[in-house]
Amino acid sequence: MEAETLRALTSENQLDLSVVNSMLTKQKARLDAAAKAEEETKVQLEIEKNSKTVNEVRVDEMLTWATRFDEASYEAKHLVSAQLVDRIEIRKSTEYEISIHFRMTAEQFLGRKTEASA
């Protein structure tokens, strides 16, 4: 096709303008599709950046709570644990199995609405 175009530009051959127009239309459609895909990718990237920031804040909060818990007195640790833990079950089959039942779900702890409460 390039050879035909070159010959048409140098007047060695006639170039059908309908072919050029259809090529331009196809290329414009491809360009529009690429621009749309780029915009969608930018939006998705922004959503992921925001999600990452929120998650980093939550991790920082948890680390702060963990540090405060580590530095707390025995009595304070006991009170916090009693508020968070409903019960602890220990079973022995071939090995010990420990189940810890919390008073709240992970979603409640993280401040998210569950489907049942929404």
PDB file of N, CA and C in Angstrom:
ATOM      1  N   MET A   1       0.831  -1.187   0.000  1.00  0.00           N
ATOM      2  CA  MET A   1       0.000   0.000   0.000  1.00  0.00           C
ATOM      3  C   MET A   1       0.879   1.256   0.000  1.00  0.00           C
ATOM      4  N   GLU A   2       2.007   1.177   0.708  1.00  0.00           N
ATOM      5  CA  GLU A   2       2.903   2.340   0.733  1.00  0.00           C
ATOM      6  C   GLU A   2       3.456   2.632  -0.655  1.00  0.00           C
ATOM      7  N   ALA A   3       3.754   1.572  -1.386  1.00  0.00           N
ATOM      8  CA  ALA A   3       4.284   1.759  -2.741  1.00  0.00           C
ATOM      9  C   ALA A   3       3.249   2.436  -3.625  1.00  0.00           C
ATOM     10  N   GLU A   4       1.986   2.002  -3.512  1.00  0.00           N
ATOM     11  CA  GLU A   4       0.908   2.627  -4.279  1.00  0.00           C
ATOM     12  C   GLU A   4       0.749   4.099  -3.905  1.00  0.00           C
ATOM     13  N   THR A   5       0.829   4.380  -2.616  1.00  0.00           N
ATOM     14  CA  THR A   5       0.698   5.764  -2.158  1.00  0.00           C
ATOM     15  C   THR A   5       1.840   6.610  -2.692  1.00  0.00           C
ATOM     16  N   LEU A   6       3.051   6.062  -2.646  1.00  0.00           N
ATOM     17  CA  LEU A   6       4.220   6.786  -3.153  1.00  0.00           C
ATOM     18  C   LEU A   6       4.078   7.068  -4.648  1.00  0.00           C
ATOM     19  N   ARG A   7       3.617   6.079  -5.403  1.00  0.00           N
ATOM     20  CA  ARG A   7       3.428   6.299  -6.843  1.00  0.00           C
ATOM     21  C   ARG A   7       2.337   7.339  -7.100  1.00  0.00           C
ATOM     22  N   ALA A   8       1.295   7.332  -6.264  1.00  0.00           N
ATOM     23  CA  ALA A   8       0.219   8.312  -6.448  1.00  0.00           C
ATOM     24  C   ALA A   8       0.727   9.711  -6.145  1.00  0.00           C
ATOM     25  N   LEU A   9       1.573   9.830  -5.128  1.00  0.00           N
ATOM     26  CA  LEU A   9       2.110  11.152  -4.778  1.00  0.00           C
ATOM     27  C   LEU A   9       3.063  11.675  -5.842  1.00  0.00           C
ATOM     28  N   THR A  10       3.769  10.770  -6.503  1.00  0.00           N
ATOM     29  CA  THR A  10       4.702  11.199  -7.555  1.00  0.00           C
ATOM     30  C   THR A  10       4.034  11.215  -8.929  1.00  0.00           C
ATOM     31  N   SER A  11       2.712  11.042  -8.967  1.00  0.00           N
ATOM     32  CA  SER A  11       1.882  11.087 -10.175  1.00  0.00           C
ATOM     33  C   SER A  11       2.174   9.945 -11.132  1.00  0.00           C
ATOM     34  N   GLU A  12       2.736   8.871 -10.658  1.00  0.00           N
ATOM     35  CA  GLU A  12       2.959   7.709 -11.515  1.00  0.00           C
ATOM     36  C   GLU A  12       1.712   6.852 -11.623  1.00  0.00           C
ATOM     37  N   ASN A  13       0.825   6.978 -10.643  1.00  0.00           N
ATOM     38  CA  ASN A  13      -0.368   6.130 -10.605  1.00  0.00           C
ATOM     39  C   ASN A  13      -1.497   6.915  -9.950  1.00  0.00           C
ATOM     40  N   GLN A  14      -2.734   6.552 -10.293  1.00  0.00           N
ATOM     41  CA  GLN A  14      -3.893   7.185  -9.692  1.00  0.00           C
ATOM     42  C   GLN A  14      -4.234   6.434  -8.397  1.00  0.00           C
ATOM     43  N   LEU A  15      -4.497   7.169  -7.343  1.00  0.00           N
ATOM     44  CA  LEU A  15      -4.889   6.573  -6.067  1.00  0.00           C
ATOM     45  C   LEU A  15      -6.374   6.797  -5.864  1.00  0.00           C
ATOM     46  N   ASP A  16      -7.073   5.725  -5.563  1.00  0.00           N
ATOM     47  CA  ASP A  16      -8.507   5.815  -5.345  1.00  0.00           C
ATOM     48  C   ASP A  16      -8.749   6.474  -3.987  1.00  0.00           C
ATOM     49  N   LEU A  17      -9.411   7.632  -3.995  1.00  0.00           N
ATOM     50  CA  LEU A  17      -9.640   8.368  -2.765  1.00  0.00           C
ATOM     51  C   LEU A  17     -10.587   7.643  -1.814  1.00  0.00           C
ATOM     52  N   SER A  18     -11.439   6.784  -2.322  1.00  0.00           N
ATOM     53  CA  SER A  18     -12.329   6.032  -1.436  1.00  0.00           C
ATOM     54  C   SER A  18     -11.520   5.087  -0.540  1.00  0.00           C
ATOM     55  N   VAL A  19     -10.422   4.559  -1.067  1.00  0.00           N
ATOM     56  CA  VAL A  19      -9.549   3.700  -0.262  1.00  0.00           C
ATOM     57  C   VAL A  19      -8.908   4.529   0.851  1.00  0.00           C
ATOM     58  N   VAL A  20      -8.452   5.710   0.503  1.00  0.00           N
ATOM     59  CA  VAL A  20      -7.832   6.589   1.499  1.00  0.00           C
ATOM     60  C   VAL A  20      -8.854   6.981   2.560  1.00  0.00           C
ATOM     61  N   ASN A  21     -10.052   7.313   2.132  1.00  0.00           N
ATOM     62  CA  ASN A  21     -11.100   7.704   3.087  1.00  0.00           C
ATOM     63  C   ASN A  21     -11.467   6.549   4.008  1.00  0.00           C
ATOM     64  N   SER A  22     -11.572   5.348   3.473  1.00  0.00           N
ATOM     65  CA  SER A  22     -11.909   4.209   4.335  1.00  0.00           C
ATOM     66  C   SER A  22     -10.760   3.924   5.305  1.00  0.00           C
ATOM     67  N   MET A  23      -9.529   4.103   4.854  1.00  0.00           N
ATOM     68  CA  MET A  23      -8.374   3.907   5.751  1.00  0.00           C
ATOM     69  C   MET A  23      -8.397   4.944   6.871  1.00  0.00           C
ATOM     70  N   LEU A  24      -8.708   6.187   6.518  1.00  0.00           N
ATOM     71  CA  LEU A  24      -8.778   7.246   7.519  1.00  0.00           C
ATOM     72  C   LEU A  24      -9.880   6.966   8.534  1.00  0.00           C
ATOM     73  N   THR A  25     -11.023   6.498   8.064  1.00  0.00           N
ATOM     74  CA  THR A  25     -12.139   6.181   8.956  1.00  0.00           C
ATOM     75  C   THR A  25     -11.751   5.059   9.926  1.00  0.00           C
ATOM     76  N   LYS A  26     -11.118   4.023   9.388  1.00  0.00           N
ATOM     77  CA  LYS A  26     -10.686   2.902  10.239  1.00  0.00           C
ATOM     78  C   LYS A  26      -9.660   3.359  11.273  1.00  0.00           C
ATOM     79  N   GLN A  27      -8.720   4.169  10.833  1.00  0.00           N
ATOM     80  CA  GLN A  27      -7.681   4.644  11.756  1.00  0.00           C
ATOM     81  C   GLN A  27      -8.268   5.557  12.824  1.00  0.00           C
ATOM     82  N   LYS A  28      -9.257   6.374  12.446  1.00  0.00           N
ATOM     83  CA  LYS A  28      -9.903   7.239  13.435  1.00  0.00           C
ATOM     84  C   LYS A  28     -10.653   6.401  14.459  1.00  0.00           C
ATOM     85  N   ALA A  29     -11.325   5.352  14.008  1.00  0.00           N
ATOM     86  CA  ALA A  29     -12.043   4.469  14.932  1.00  0.00           C
ATOM     87  C   ALA A  29     -11.057   3.793  15.888  1.00  0.00           C
ATOM     88  N   ARG A  30      -9.928   3.346  15.365  1.00  0.00           N
ATOM     89  CA  ARG A  30      -8.911   2.724  16.224  1.00  0.00           C
ATOM     90  C   ARG A  30      -8.345   3.737  17.224  1.00  0.00           C
ATOM     91  N   LEU A  31      -8.134   4.956  16.772  1.00  0.00           N
ATOM     92  CA  LEU A  31      -7.621   6.004  17.652  1.00  0.00           C
ATOM     93  C   LEU A  31      -8.634   6.329  18.750  1.00  0.00           C
ATOM     94  N   ASP A  32      -9.919   6.416  18.371  1.00  0.00           N
ATOM     95  CA  ASP A  32     -10.964   6.681  19.367  1.00  0.00           C
ATOM     96  C   ASP A  32     -11.045   5.552  20.400  1.00  0.00           C
ATOM     97  N   ALA A  33     -10.951   4.316  19.933  1.00  0.00           N
ATOM     98  CA  ALA A  33     -11.001   3.165  20.840  1.00  0.00           C
ATOM     99  C   ALA A  33      -9.799   3.187  21.793  1.00  0.00           C
ATOM    100  N   ALA A  34      -8.637   3.532  21.270  1.00  0.00           N
ATOM    101  CA  ALA A  34      -7.442   3.603  22.115  1.00  0.00           C
ATOM    102  C   ALA A  34      -7.563   4.735  23.141  1.00  0.00           C
ATOM    103  N   ALA A  35      -8.128   5.867  22.725  1.00  0.00           N
ATOM    104  CA  ALA A  35      -8.319   6.991  23.652  1.00  0.00           C
ATOM    105  C   ALA A  35      -9.307   6.617  24.756  1.00  0.00           C
ATOM    106  N   LYS A  36     -10.369   5.906  24.400  1.00  0.00           N
ATOM    107  CA  LYS A  36     -11.348   5.461  25.391  1.00  0.00           C
ATOM    108  C   LYS A  36     -10.706   4.473  26.369  1.00  0.00           C
ATOM    109  N   ALA A  37      -9.936   3.536  25.844  1.00  0.00           N
ATOM    110  CA  ALA A  37      -9.245   2.563  26.705  1.00  0.00           C
ATOM    111  C   ALA A  37      -8.259   3.263  27.635  1.00  0.00           C
ATOM    112  N   GLU A  38      -7.578   4.283  27.122  1.00  0.00           N
ATOM    113  CA  GLU A  38      -6.641   5.043  27.947  1.00  0.00           C
ATOM    114  C   GLU A  38      -7.378   5.753  29.087  1.00  0.00           C
ATOM    115  N   GLU A  39      -8.525   6.355  28.782  1.00  0.00           N
ATOM    116  CA  GLU A  39      -9.304   7.065  29.801  1.00  0.00           C
ATOM    117  C   GLU A  39      -9.808   6.092  30.868  1.00  0.00           C
ATOM    118  N   GLU A  40     -10.296   4.919  30.428  1.00  0.00           N
ATOM    119  CA  GLU A  40     -10.768   3.909  31.383  1.00  0.00           C
ATOM    120  C   GLU A  40      -9.621   3.432  32.279  1.00  0.00           C
ATOM    121  N   THR A  41      -8.449   3.281  31.703  1.00  0.00           N
ATOM    122  CA  THR A  41      -7.285   2.856  32.477  1.00  0.00           C
ATOM    123  C   THR A  41      -6.884   3.930  33.485  1.00  0.00           C
ATOM    124  N   LYS A  42      -6.964   5.185  33.092  1.00  0.00           N
ATOM    125  CA  LYS A  42      -6.647   6.277  34.017  1.00  0.00           C
ATOM    126  C   LYS A  42      -7.620   6.299  35.191  1.00  0.00           C
ATOM    127  N   VAL A  43      -8.909   6.100  34.898  1.00  0.00           N
ATOM    128  CA  VAL A  43      -9.921   6.073  35.957  1.00  0.00           C
ATOM    129  C   VAL A  43      -9.647   4.904  36.906  1.00  0.00           C
ATOM    130  N   GLN A  44      -9.367   3.730  36.339  1.00  0.00           N
ATOM    131  CA  GLN A  44      -9.085   2.552  37.166  1.00  0.00           C
ATOM    132  C   GLN A  44      -7.832   2.770  38.019  1.00  0.00           C
ATOM    133  N   LEU A  45      -6.815   3.396  37.450  1.00  0.00           N
ATOM    134  CA  LEU A  45      -5.590   3.686  38.189  1.00  0.00           C
ATOM    135  C   LEU A  45      -5.874   4.624  39.355  1.00  0.00           C
ATOM    136  N   GLU A  46      -6.712   5.625  39.131  1.00  0.00           N
ATOM    137  CA  GLU A  46      -7.068   6.567  40.194  1.00  0.00           C
ATOM    138  C   GLU A  46      -7.833   5.859  41.314  1.00  0.00           C
ATOM    139  N   ILE A  47      -8.748   4.968  40.925  1.00  0.00           N
ATOM    140  CA  ILE A  47      -9.494   4.190  41.925  1.00  0.00           C
ATOM    141  C   ILE A  47      -8.534   3.340  42.744  1.00  0.00           C
ATOM    142  N   GLU A  48      -7.589   2.691  42.096  1.00  0.00           N
ATOM    143  CA  GLU A  48      -6.625   1.850  42.800  1.00  0.00           C
ATOM    144  C   GLU A  48      -5.713   2.673  43.711  1.00  0.00           C
ATOM    145  N   LYS A  49      -5.326   3.870  43.266  1.00  0.00           N
ATOM    146  CA  LYS A  49      -4.509   4.746  44.115  1.00  0.00           C
ATOM    147  C   LYS A  49      -5.271   5.130  45.378  1.00  0.00           C
ATOM    148  N   ASN A  50      -6.562   5.490  45.211  1.00  0.00           N
ATOM    149  CA  ASN A  50      -7.379   5.856  46.367  1.00  0.00           C
ATOM    150  C   ASN A  50      -7.545   4.677  47.306  1.00  0.00           C
ATOM    151  N   SER A  51      -7.778   3.495  46.754  1.00  0.00           N
ATOM    152  CA  SER A  51      -7.939   2.291  47.564  1.00  0.00           C
ATOM    153  C   SER A  51      -6.644   1.994  48.317  1.00  0.00           C
ATOM    154  N   LYS A  52      -5.529   2.164  47.645  1.00  0.00           N
ATOM    155  CA  LYS A  52      -4.231   1.916  48.277  1.00  0.00           C
ATOM    156  C   LYS A  52      -4.021   2.889  49.430  1.00  0.00           C
ATOM    157  N   THR A  53      -4.377   4.147  49.219  1.00  0.00           N
ATOM    158  CA  THR A  53      -4.225   5.154  50.268  1.00  0.00           C
ATOM    159  C   THR A  53      -5.091   4.809  51.477  1.00  0.00           C
ATOM    160  N   VAL A  54      -6.342   4.414  51.224  1.00  0.00           N
ATOM    161  CA  VAL A  54      -7.244   4.040  52.321  1.00  0.00           C
ATOM    162  C   VAL A  54      -6.671   2.846  53.081  1.00  0.00           C
ATOM    163  N   ASN A  55      -6.185   1.862  52.356  1.00  0.00           N
ATOM    164  CA  ASN A  55      -5.616   0.681  53.004  1.00  0.00           C
ATOM    165  C   ASN A  55      -4.359   1.016  53.802  1.00  0.00           C
ATOM    166  N   GLU A  56      -3.536   1.920  53.282  1.00  0.00           N
ATOM    167  CA  GLU A  56      -2.341   2.331  54.016  1.00  0.00           C
ATOM    168  C   GLU A  56      -2.721   3.026  55.322  1.00  0.00           C
ATOM    169  N   VAL A  57      -3.765   3.851  55.285  1.00  0.00           N
ATOM    170  CA  VAL A  57      -4.236   4.531  56.495  1.00  0.00           C
ATOM    171  C   VAL A  57      -4.716   3.495  57.508  1.00  0.00           C
ATOM    172  N   ARG A  58      -5.471   2.500  57.043  1.00  0.00           N
ATOM    173  CA  ARG A  58      -5.965   1.458  57.946  1.00  0.00           C
ATOM    174  C   ARG A  58      -4.823   0.667  58.567  1.00  0.00           C
ATOM    175  N   VAL A  59      -3.820   0.343  57.772  1.00  0.00           N
ATOM    176  CA  VAL A  59      -2.664  -0.381  58.308  1.00  0.00           C
ATOM    177  C   VAL A  59      -1.946   0.472  59.343  1.00  0.00           C
ATOM    178  N   ASP A  60      -1.784   1.755  59.047  1.00  0.00           N
ATOM    179  CA  ASP A  60      -1.148   2.663  60.015  1.00  0.00           C
ATOM    180  C   ASP A  60      -1.935   2.713  61.324  1.00  0.00           C
ATOM    181  N   GLU A  61      -3.286   2.759  61.214  1.00  0.00           N
ATOM    182  CA  GLU A  61      -4.117   2.773  62.417  1.00  0.00           C
ATOM    183  C   GLU A  61      -3.920   1.493  63.226  1.00  0.00           C
ATOM    184  N   MET A  62      -3.911   0.358  62.516  1.00  0.00           N
ATOM    185  CA  MET A  62      -3.727  -0.917  63.218  1.00  0.00           C
ATOM    186  C   MET A  62      -2.365  -0.987  63.895  1.00  0.00           C
ATOM    187  N   LEU A  63      -1.349  -0.500  63.210  1.00  0.00           N
ATOM    188  CA  LEU A  63      -0.019  -0.504  63.812  1.00  0.00           C
ATOM    189  C   LEU A  63       0.029   0.404  65.034  1.00  0.00           C
ATOM    190  N   THR A  64      -0.672   1.537  64.956  1.00  0.00           N
ATOM    191  CA  THR A  64      -0.739   2.444  66.104  1.00  0.00           C
ATOM    192  C   THR A  64      -1.439   1.764  67.270  1.00  0.00           C
ATOM    193  N   TRP A  65      -2.558   1.077  66.975  1.00  0.00           N
ATOM    194  CA  TRP A  65      -3.277   0.354  68.031  1.00  0.00           C
ATOM    195  C   TRP A  65      -2.406  -0.746  68.621  1.00  0.00           C
ATOM    196  N   ALA A  66      -1.671  -1.443  67.759  1.00  0.00           N
ATOM    197  CA  ALA A  66      -0.808  -2.519  68.237  1.00  0.00           C
ATOM    198  C   ALA A  66       0.284  -1.966  69.149  1.00  0.00           C
ATOM    199  N   THR A  67       0.850  -0.839  68.772  1.00  0.00           N
ATOM    200  CA  THR A  67       1.884  -0.209  69.604  1.00  0.00           C
ATOM    201  C   THR A  67       1.301   0.214  70.943  1.00  0.00           C
ATOM    202  N   ARG A  68       0.130   0.836  70.906  1.00  0.00           N
ATOM    203  CA  ARG A  68      -0.515   1.251  72.172  1.00  0.00           C
ATOM    204  C   ARG A  68      -0.826   0.042  73.050  1.00  0.00           C
ATOM    205  N   PHE A  69      -1.287  -1.041  72.433  1.00  0.00           N
ATOM    206  CA  PHE A  69      -1.599  -2.252  73.186  1.00  0.00           C
ATOM    207  C   PHE A  69      -0.321  -2.817  73.816  1.00  0.00           C
ATOM    208  N   ASP A  70       0.755  -2.852  73.026  1.00  0.00           N
ATOM    209  CA  ASP A  70       2.036  -3.368  73.552  1.00  0.00           C
ATOM    210  C   ASP A  70       2.536  -2.541  74.723  1.00  0.00           C
ATOM    211  N   GLU A  71       2.306  -1.239  74.675  1.00  0.00           N
ATOM    212  CA  GLU A  71       2.802  -0.351  75.721  1.00  0.00           C
ATOM    213  C   GLU A  71       1.857  -0.241  76.920  1.00  0.00           C
ATOM    214  N   ALA A  72       0.654  -0.805  76.791  1.00  0.00           N
ATOM    215  CA  ALA A  72      -0.347  -0.694  77.862  1.00  0.00           C
ATOM    216  C   ALA A  72       0.015  -1.604  79.044  1.00  0.00           C
ATOM    217  N   SER A  73      -0.577  -1.277  80.183  1.00  0.00           N
ATOM    218  CA  SER A  73      -0.377  -2.104  81.380  1.00  0.00           C
ATOM    219  C   SER A  73      -1.111  -3.432  81.211  1.00  0.00           C
ATOM    220  N   TYR A  74      -0.808  -4.386  82.056  1.00  0.00           N
ATOM    221  CA  TYR A  74      -1.454  -5.687  82.022  1.00  0.00           C
ATOM    222  C   TYR A  74      -2.968  -5.542  82.187  1.00  0.00           C
ATOM    223  N   GLU A  75      -3.387  -4.690  83.102  1.00  0.00           N
ATOM    224  CA  GLU A  75      -4.816  -4.497  83.347  1.00  0.00           C
ATOM    225  C   GLU A  75      -5.521  -3.925  82.123  1.00  0.00           C
ATOM    226  N   ALA A  76      -4.899  -2.959  81.475  1.00  0.00           N
ATOM    227  CA  ALA A  76      -5.490  -2.360  80.275  1.00  0.00           C
ATOM    228  C   ALA A  76      -5.581  -3.397  79.148  1.00  0.00           C
ATOM    229  N   LYS A  77      -4.533  -4.213  78.987  1.00  0.00           N
ATOM    230  CA  LYS A  77      -4.562  -5.266  77.973  1.00  0.00           C
ATOM    231  C   LYS A  77      -5.697  -6.240  78.253  1.00  0.00           C
ATOM    232  N   HIS A  78      -5.873  -6.578  79.514  1.00  0.00           N
ATOM    233  CA  HIS A  78      -6.936  -7.501  79.909  1.00  0.00           C
ATOM    234  C   HIS A  78      -8.318  -6.908  79.574  1.00  0.00           C
ATOM    235  N   LEU A  79      -8.515  -5.637  79.852  1.00  0.00           N
ATOM    236  CA  LEU A  79      -9.794  -4.989  79.565  1.00  0.00           C
ATOM    237  C   LEU A  79     -10.073  -4.934  78.059  1.00  0.00           C
ATOM    238  N   VAL A  80      -9.074  -4.598  77.294  1.00  0.00           N
ATOM    239  CA  VAL A  80      -9.243  -4.531  75.840  1.00  0.00           C
ATOM    240  C   VAL A  80      -9.554  -5.914  75.293  1.00  0.00           C
ATOM    241  N   SER A  81      -8.817  -6.920  75.737  1.00  0.00           N
ATOM    242  CA  SER A  81      -9.043  -8.290  75.269  1.00  0.00           C
ATOM    243  C   SER A  81     -10.440  -8.767  75.635  1.00  0.00           C
ATOM    244  N   ALA A  82     -10.888  -8.446  76.832  1.00  0.00           N
ATOM    245  CA  ALA A  82     -12.222  -8.857  77.283  1.00  0.00           C
ATOM    246  C   ALA A  82     -13.312  -8.206  76.433  1.00  0.00           C
ATOM    247  N   GLN A  83     -13.078  -7.004  75.936  1.00  0.00           N
ATOM    248  CA  GLN A  83     -14.064  -6.327  75.091  1.00  0.00           C
ATOM    249  C   GLN A  83     -14.081  -6.894  73.672  1.00  0.00           C
ATOM    250  N   LEU A  84     -12.939  -7.362  73.201  1.00  0.00           N
ATOM    251  CA  LEU A  84     -12.845  -7.851  71.827  1.00  0.00           C
ATOM    252  C   LEU A  84     -13.193  -9.330  71.684  1.00  0.00           C
ATOM    253  N   VAL A  85     -12.850 -10.139  72.678  1.00  0.00           N
ATOM    254  CA  VAL A  85     -12.973 -11.592  72.569  1.00  0.00           C
ATOM    255  C   VAL A  85     -14.215 -12.057  73.323  1.00  0.00           C
ATOM    256  N   ASP A  86     -15.051 -12.826  72.639  1.00  0.00           N
ATOM    257  CA  ASP A  86     -16.239 -13.402  73.254  1.00  0.00           C
ATOM    258  C   ASP A  86     -15.868 -14.672  74.031  1.00  0.00           C
ATOM    259  N   ARG A  87     -15.197 -15.586  73.335  1.00  0.00           N
ATOM    260  CA  ARG A  87     -14.763 -16.811  74.022  1.00  0.00           C
ATOM    261  C   ARG A  87     -13.609 -17.445  73.251  1.00  0.00           C
ATOM    262  N   ILE A  88     -12.894 -18.296  73.957  1.00  0.00           N
ATOM    263  CA  ILE A  88     -11.790 -19.054  73.375  1.00  0.00           C
ATOM    264  C   ILE A  88     -12.060 -20.522  73.647  1.00  0.00           C
ATOM    265  N   GLU A  89     -12.039 -21.324  72.596  1.00  0.00           N
ATOM    266  CA  GLU A  89     -12.268 -22.758  72.733  1.00  0.00           C
ATOM    267  C   GLU A  89     -10.968 -23.492  72.418  1.00  0.00           C
ATOM    268  N   ILE A  90     -10.617 -24.430  73.301  1.00  0.00           N
ATOM    269  CA  ILE A  90      -9.407 -25.234  73.101  1.00  0.00           C
ATOM    270  C   ILE A  90      -9.833 -26.696  73.085  1.00  0.00           C
ATOM    271  N   ARG A  91      -9.497 -27.393  71.995  1.00  0.00           N
ATOM    272  CA  ARG A  91      -9.808 -28.815  71.864  1.00  0.00           C
ATOM    273  C   ARG A  91      -8.521 -29.575  71.576  1.00  0.00           C
ATOM    274  N   LYS A  92      -8.506 -30.811  72.017  1.00  0.00           N
ATOM    275  CA  LYS A  92      -7.336 -31.646  71.740  1.00  0.00           C
ATOM    276  C   LYS A  92      -7.810 -32.904  71.043  1.00  0.00           C
ATOM    277  N   SER A  93      -7.374 -33.066  69.812  1.00  0.00           N
ATOM    278  CA  SER A  93      -7.577 -34.334  69.120  1.00  0.00           C
ATOM    279  C   SER A  93      -6.191 -34.950  69.039  1.00  0.00           C
ATOM    280  N   THR A  94      -5.559 -34.921  67.898  1.00  0.00           N
ATOM    281  CA  THR A  94      -4.156 -35.349  67.840  1.00  0.00           C
ATOM    282  C   THR A  94      -3.247 -34.179  68.213  1.00  0.00           C
ATOM    283  N   GLU A  95      -3.716 -32.984  67.925  1.00  0.00           N
ATOM    284  CA  GLU A  95      -2.997 -31.767  68.303  1.00  0.00           C
ATOM    285  C   GLU A  95      -4.015 -30.802  68.907  1.00  0.00           C
ATOM    286  N   TYR A  96      -3.525 -29.767  69.529  1.00  0.00           N
ATOM    287  CA  TYR A  96      -4.435 -28.760  70.094  1.00  0.00           C
ATOM    288  C   TYR A  96      -5.035 -27.921  68.993  1.00  0.00           C
ATOM    289  N   GLU A  97      -6.321 -27.652  69.100  1.00  0.00           N
ATOM    290  CA  GLU A  97      -7.015 -26.754  68.184  1.00  0.00           C
ATOM    291  C   GLU A  97      -7.580 -25.604  69.012  1.00  0.00           C
ATOM    292  N   ILE A  98      -7.276 -24.395  68.605  1.00  0.00           N
ATOM    293  CA  ILE A  98      -7.740 -23.217  69.335  1.00  0.00           C
ATOM    294  C   ILE A  98      -8.641 -22.401  68.422  1.00  0.00           C
ATOM    295  N   SER A  99      -9.828 -22.083  68.904  1.00  0.00           N
ATOM    296  CA  SER A  99     -10.763 -21.220  68.172  1.00  0.00           C
ATOM    297  C   SER A  99     -11.031 -19.985  69.018  1.00  0.00           C
ATOM    298  N   ILE A 100     -10.851 -18.831  68.412  1.00  0.00           N
ATOM    299  CA  ILE A 100     -11.120 -17.573  69.110  1.00  0.00           C
ATOM    300  C   ILE A 100     -12.343 -16.943  68.462  1.00  0.00           C
ATOM    301  N   HIS A 101     -13.371 -16.674  69.258  1.00  0.00           N
ATOM    302  CA  HIS A 101     -14.610 -16.057  68.775  1.00  0.00           C
ATOM    303  C   HIS A 101     -14.625 -14.602  69.246  1.00  0.00           C
ATOM    304  N   PHE A 102     -14.646 -13.700  68.266  1.00  0.00           N
ATOM    305  CA  PHE A 102     -14.625 -12.270  68.581  1.00  0.00           C
ATOM    306  C   PHE A 102     -16.044 -11.732  68.699  1.00  0.00           C
ATOM    307  N   ARG A 103     -16.172 -10.619  69.367  1.00  0.00           N
ATOM    308  CA  ARG A 103     -17.466  -9.968  69.537  1.00  0.00           C
ATOM    309  C   ARG A 103     -17.866  -9.171  68.295  1.00  0.00           C
ATOM    310  N   MET A 104     -16.957  -8.988  67.380  1.00  0.00           N
ATOM    311  CA  MET A 104     -17.242  -8.209  66.188  1.00  0.00           C
ATOM    312  C   MET A 104     -16.619  -8.891  64.983  1.00  0.00           C
ATOM    313  N   THR A 105     -17.136  -8.540  63.818  1.00  0.00           N
ATOM    314  CA  THR A 105     -16.574  -9.056  62.571  1.00  0.00           C
ATOM    315  C   THR A 105     -15.425  -8.145  62.130  1.00  0.00           C
ATOM    316  N   ALA A 106     -14.671  -8.623  61.163  1.00  0.00           N
ATOM    317  CA  ALA A 106     -13.581  -7.805  60.623  1.00  0.00           C
ATOM    318  C   ALA A 106     -14.133  -6.535  59.986  1.00  0.00           C
ATOM    319  N   GLU A 107     -15.293  -6.642  59.327  1.00  0.00           N
ATOM    320  CA  GLU A 107     -15.903  -5.465  58.690  1.00  0.00           C
ATOM    321  C   GLU A 107     -16.295  -4.422  59.730  1.00  0.00           C
ATOM    322  N   GLN A 108     -16.859  -4.897  60.852  1.00  0.00           N
ATOM    323  CA  GLN A 108     -17.224  -3.961  61.919  1.00  0.00           C
ATOM    324  C   GLN A 108     -15.970  -3.303  62.497  1.00  0.00           C
ATOM    325  N   PHE A 109     -14.928  -4.091  62.679  1.00  0.00           N
ATOM    326  CA  PHE A 109     -13.680  -3.568  63.229  1.00  0.00           C
ATOM    327  C   PHE A 109     -13.093  -2.495  62.317  1.00  0.00           C
ATOM    328  N   LEU A 110     -13.196  -2.724  61.012  1.00  0.00           N
ATOM    329  CA  LEU A 110     -12.630  -1.786  60.047  1.00  0.00           C
ATOM    330  C   LEU A 110     -13.591  -0.648  59.708  1.00  0.00           C
ATOM    331  N   GLY A 111     -14.804  -0.690  60.281  1.00  0.00           N
ATOM    332  CA  GLY A 111     -15.751   0.402  60.064  1.00  0.00           C
ATOM    333  C   GLY A 111     -16.510   0.297  58.766  1.00  0.00           C
ATOM    334  N   ARG A 112     -16.577  -0.888  58.177  1.00  0.00           N
ATOM    335  CA  ARG A 112     -17.317  -1.076  56.937  1.00  0.00           C
ATOM    336  C   ARG A 112     -18.708  -1.590  57.255  1.00  0.00           C
ATOM    337  N   LYS A 113     -19.651  -1.277  56.380  1.00  0.00           N
ATOM    338  CA  LYS A 113     -21.009  -1.780  56.537  1.00  0.00           C
ATOM    339  C   LYS A 113     -21.069  -3.188  55.958  1.00  0.00           C
ATOM    340  N   THR A 114     -21.699  -4.091  56.674  1.00  0.00           N
ATOM    341  CA  THR A 114     -21.932  -5.428  56.152  1.00  0.00           C
ATOM    342  C   THR A 114     -23.241  -5.416  55.388  1.00  0.00           C
ATOM    343  N   GLU A 115     -23.483  -6.439  54.581  1.00  0.00           N
ATOM    344  CA  GLU A 115     -24.707  -6.491  53.784  1.00  0.00           C
ATOM    345  C   GLU A 115     -25.929  -6.556  54.687  1.00  0.00           C
ATOM    346  N   ALA A 116     -25.809  -7.222  55.823  1.00  0.00           N
ATOM    347  CA  ALA A 116     -26.955  -7.360  56.719  1.00  0.00           C
ATOM    348  C   ALA A 116     -27.319  -6.021  57.368  1.00  0.00           C
ATOM    349  N   SER A 117     -26.311  -5.188  57.640  1.00  0.00           N
ATOM    350  CA  SER A 117     -26.584  -3.906  58.312  1.00  0.00           C
ATOM    351  C   SER A 117     -26.834  -2.772  57.331  1.00  0.00           C
ATOM    352  N   ALA A 118     -26.581  -3.015  56.046  1.00  0.00           N
ATOM    353  CA  ALA A 118     -26.757  -1.961  55.030  1.00  0.00           C
ATOM    354  C   ALA A 118     -28.184  -1.755  54.644  1.00  0.00           C
TER     355      ALA A 118
END
